[in-house]
Amino acid sequence: MQKLTERFGIKQGILVGDRGTLPDTQIQGQLKDLEGWDWITALRAVQIRKLLATGTLKLEQFESQCWIEIESETYPSERLIACRNGHLAHQLGHKREELLTATETELDKIVVATSRSKQRLQGKAEIGLRVGKVVNRFKVAKYFELSITDSQFSYQRRSDKIDADAQLDGLYVIRTS
């Protein structure tokens, strides 16, 4: 901001950035009190979850409209505009289910390999290596509870995590001064 002001003589403007380029620390530390400068960014998933948990944001609000303006004590003197894209929510949910199913298909192969009588897959490290390759390939490790011992492997879906992420499908919150 100092470079923009000193080098180019720009004294006012609006900075627009995504969740990563304009994080809360930069807003609080540099932008909030800077005269002549406004900003637009979006909340991160963790921040949106807090709005849902406190009741500041309710999913039912999107039944009749796709965007709403909300106020939060966490973001005083700021404008929050929550948007929900139902089509995108459906696509994301469908994609997640495809990835979960594909992961389960591969994990089932490991379950069979640990329980067969000939050339049995065993050893916690060996089993863990195979499991790691599968969950890293599909990027859905957080959705599974994995149990690995020296002689067997089992898994189950973590519906709590799946449901929590499904709530955020197609949901975003614009934050601006």
Protein backbone atom coordinates (compact mmCIF):
# COMPACT_ATOMS: atom_id res chain seq x y z
CA MET A 1 0.00 0.00 0.00
CA GLN A 2 2.87 2.31 0.82
CA LYS A 3 4.48 1.60 -2.56
CA LEU A 4 1.23 2.30 -4.39
CA THR A 5 0.85 5.59 -2.57
CA GLU A 6 4.47 6.78 -2.76
CA ARG A 7 5.60 5.35 -6.09
CA PHE A 8 2.47 5.84 -8.17
CA GLY A 9 0.66 8.58 -6.27
CA ILE A 10 -2.46 6.43 -5.79
CA LYS A 11 -4.29 7.61 -2.69
CA GLN A 12 -7.47 5.60 -2.89
CA GLY A 13 -8.74 2.38 -4.37
CA ILE A 14 -10.30 -0.99 -3.80
CA LEU A 15 -8.23 -4.10 -3.30
CA VAL A 16 -9.89 -7.32 -4.44
CA GLY A 17 -8.39 -10.63 -3.44
CA ASP A 18 -9.36 -14.18 -2.78
CA ARG A 19 -9.29 -15.86 0.62
CA GLY A 20 -5.54 -16.37 0.41
CA THR A 21 -4.35 -13.00 -0.87
CA LEU A 22 -6.37 -10.91 1.57
CA PRO A 23 -6.41 -12.93 4.80
CA ASP A 24 -7.87 -11.66 8.06
CA THR A 25 -4.42 -10.85 9.47
CA GLN A 26 -3.68 -8.47 6.59
CA ILE A 27 -7.11 -6.85 6.83
CA GLN A 28 -6.80 -6.30 10.60
CA GLY A 29 -3.13 -5.29 10.51
CA GLN A 30 -2.93 -3.09 7.42
CA LEU A 31 -6.16 -2.37 5.58
CA LYS A 32 -8.84 -1.77 8.18
CA ASP A 33 -7.65 1.67 9.27
CA LEU A 34 -6.09 2.78 5.98
CA GLU A 35 -7.85 5.91 4.76
CA GLY A 36 -9.04 5.93 1.16
CA TRP A 37 -8.67 2.19 0.64
CA ASP A 38 -11.44 -0.38 0.64
CA TRP A 39 -11.22 -4.12 0.09
CA ILE A 40 -13.22 -7.14 -1.03
CA THR A 41 -12.40 -10.73 -0.18
CA ALA A 42 -14.17 -13.94 0.83
CA LEU A 43 -14.36 -15.91 4.07
CA ARG A 44 -12.58 -19.23 4.44
CA ALA A 45 -14.53 -22.43 5.11
CA VAL A 46 -13.58 -22.36 8.80
CA GLN A 47 -14.99 -18.85 9.15
CA ILE A 48 -18.21 -19.81 7.35
CA ARG A 49 -18.58 -22.82 9.67
CA LYS A 50 -18.41 -20.45 12.66
CA LEU A 51 -21.18 -18.30 11.18
CA LEU A 52 -23.30 -21.42 10.76
CA ALA A 53 -22.49 -22.67 14.28
CA THR A 54 -23.46 -19.37 15.90
CA GLY A 55 -26.69 -19.11 13.90
CA THR A 56 -25.57 -15.90 12.21
CA LEU A 57 -25.93 -17.74 8.91
CA LYS A 58 -28.70 -20.28 8.39
CA LEU A 59 -28.97 -22.55 5.37
CA GLU A 60 -32.77 -22.16 5.41
CA GLN A 61 -32.28 -18.54 4.42
CA PHE A 62 -31.32 -19.72 0.93
CA GLU A 63 -34.61 -21.53 0.27
CA SER A 64 -36.19 -18.44 -1.27
CA GLN A 65 -33.15 -16.54 -2.53
CA CYS A 66 -29.59 -17.28 -3.58
CA TRP A 67 -27.89 -14.46 -1.67
CA ILE A 68 -28.41 -12.62 1.60
CA GLU A 69 -26.68 -9.88 3.51
CA ILE A 70 -25.76 -10.76 7.08
CA GLU A 71 -24.19 -9.01 10.07
CA SER A 72 -21.79 -10.55 12.53
CA GLU A 73 -20.15 -9.32 15.71
CA THR A 74 -16.99 -11.04 14.50
CA TYR A 75 -16.84 -8.62 11.55
CA PRO A 76 -18.06 -5.29 12.91
CA SER A 77 -18.55 -2.45 10.42
CA GLU A 78 -18.10 -4.87 7.53
CA ARG A 79 -20.53 -6.06 4.91
CA LEU A 80 -21.02 -9.80 4.55
CA ILE A 81 -22.89 -11.15 1.57
CA ALA A 82 -23.60 -14.89 1.68
CA CYS A 83 -24.33 -16.64 -1.60
CA ARG A 84 -25.44 -20.19 -2.35
CA ASN A 85 -25.26 -21.72 -5.78
CA GLY A 86 -27.56 -24.75 -5.72
CA HIS A 87 -26.27 -26.09 -9.04
CA LEU A 88 -22.66 -25.93 -7.85
CA ALA A 89 -23.66 -27.52 -4.51
CA HIS A 90 -25.20 -30.44 -6.40
CA GLN A 91 -22.11 -30.83 -8.61
CA LEU A 92 -19.73 -30.78 -5.64
CA GLY A 93 -21.83 -33.32 -3.71
CA HIS A 94 -21.94 -35.60 -6.75
CA LYS A 95 -18.17 -35.31 -7.28
CA ARG A 96 -17.46 -36.04 -3.61
CA GLU A 97 -19.65 -39.15 -3.76
CA GLU A 98 -17.82 -40.35 -6.89
CA LEU A 99 -14.46 -39.91 -5.15
CA LEU A 100 -15.68 -41.68 -2.01
CA THR A 101 -17.00 -44.62 -4.04
CA ALA A 102 -13.78 -44.87 -6.07
CA THR A 103 -11.75 -44.79 -2.86
CA GLU A 104 -13.89 -47.50 -1.25
CA THR A 105 -13.45 -49.72 -4.32
CA GLU A 106 -9.67 -49.51 -3.93
CA LEU A 107 -9.75 -49.84 -0.13
CA ASP A 108 -11.90 -52.97 -0.47
CA LYS A 109 -9.07 -54.52 -2.50
CA ILE A 110 -6.71 -53.89 0.41
CA VAL A 111 -9.20 -55.43 2.87
CA VAL A 112 -9.28 -58.55 0.69
CA ALA A 113 -5.48 -58.58 0.41
CA THR A 114 -5.13 -58.56 4.21
CA SER A 115 -7.58 -61.42 4.69
CA ARG A 116 -6.60 -63.85 1.92
CA SER A 117 -4.83 -67.10 2.81
CA LYS A 118 -2.06 -66.95 0.17
CA GLN A 119 0.36 -64.05 -0.22
CA ARG A 120 -1.43 -62.12 2.47
CA LEU A 121 -0.65 -58.43 2.78
CA GLN A 122 0.62 -57.92 6.32
CA GLY A 123 2.64 -55.60 8.44
CA LYS A 124 1.35 -52.26 9.62
CA ALA A 125 3.85 -50.33 7.48
CA GLU A 126 3.09 -52.28 4.28
CA ILE A 127 -0.66 -52.02 4.73
CA GLY A 128 -0.36 -48.34 5.63
CA LEU A 129 1.69 -47.65 2.53
CA ARG A 130 -0.96 -49.18 0.27
CA VAL A 131 -3.77 -47.36 2.07
CA GLY A 132 -1.85 -44.07 1.89
CA LYS A 133 -1.48 -44.35 -1.87
CA VAL A 134 -5.22 -44.82 -2.27
CA VAL A 135 -6.41 -42.01 0.00
CA ASN A 136 -3.78 -39.61 -1.33
CA ARG A 137 -4.75 -40.39 -4.91
CA PHE A 138 -8.39 -39.46 -4.38
CA LYS A 139 -7.75 -36.73 -1.75
CA VAL A 140 -10.53 -37.87 0.56
CA ALA A 141 -8.58 -39.20 3.55
CA LYS A 142 -10.42 -36.90 5.97
CA TYR A 143 -13.68 -38.67 5.14
CA PHE A 144 -12.51 -42.07 6.36
CA GLU A 145 -11.80 -43.64 9.73
CA LEU A 146 -8.95 -46.08 9.06
CA SER A 147 -7.89 -48.98 11.26
CA ILE A 148 -4.57 -50.65 10.45
CA THR A 149 -2.93 -53.42 12.45
CA ASP A 150 -0.12 -55.84 11.59
CA SER A 151 -2.55 -58.35 10.18
CA GLN A 152 -5.68 -56.51 9.03
CA PHE A 153 -7.21 -53.35 7.68
CA SER A 154 -10.71 -51.89 7.94
CA TYR A 155 -12.30 -48.54 7.25
CA GLN A 156 -15.58 -46.69 7.50
CA ARG A 157 -16.91 -43.40 6.23
CA ARG A 158 -16.91 -40.44 8.59
CA SER A 159 -20.41 -39.20 7.89
CA ASP A 160 -19.93 -36.30 10.33
CA LYS A 161 -17.11 -34.86 8.18
CA ILE A 162 -18.96 -35.58 4.95
CA ASP A 163 -22.12 -33.86 6.21
CA ALA A 164 -20.15 -30.88 7.56
CA ASP A 165 -18.46 -30.32 4.21
CA ALA A 166 -21.71 -30.88 2.31
CA GLN A 167 -23.21 -27.93 4.21
CA LEU A 168 -20.61 -25.67 2.58
CA ASP A 169 -21.12 -26.94 -0.98
CA GLY A 170 -21.88 -24.00 -3.23
CA LEU A 171 -21.78 -21.59 -0.27
CA TYR A 172 -19.48 -18.63 -0.08
CA VAL A 173 -19.42 -15.38 1.83
CA ILE A 174 -18.09 -12.13 0.39
CA ARG A 175 -16.50 -9.83 2.98
CA THR A 176 -15.98 -6.16 2.27
CA SER A 177 -15.29 -2.85 3.90
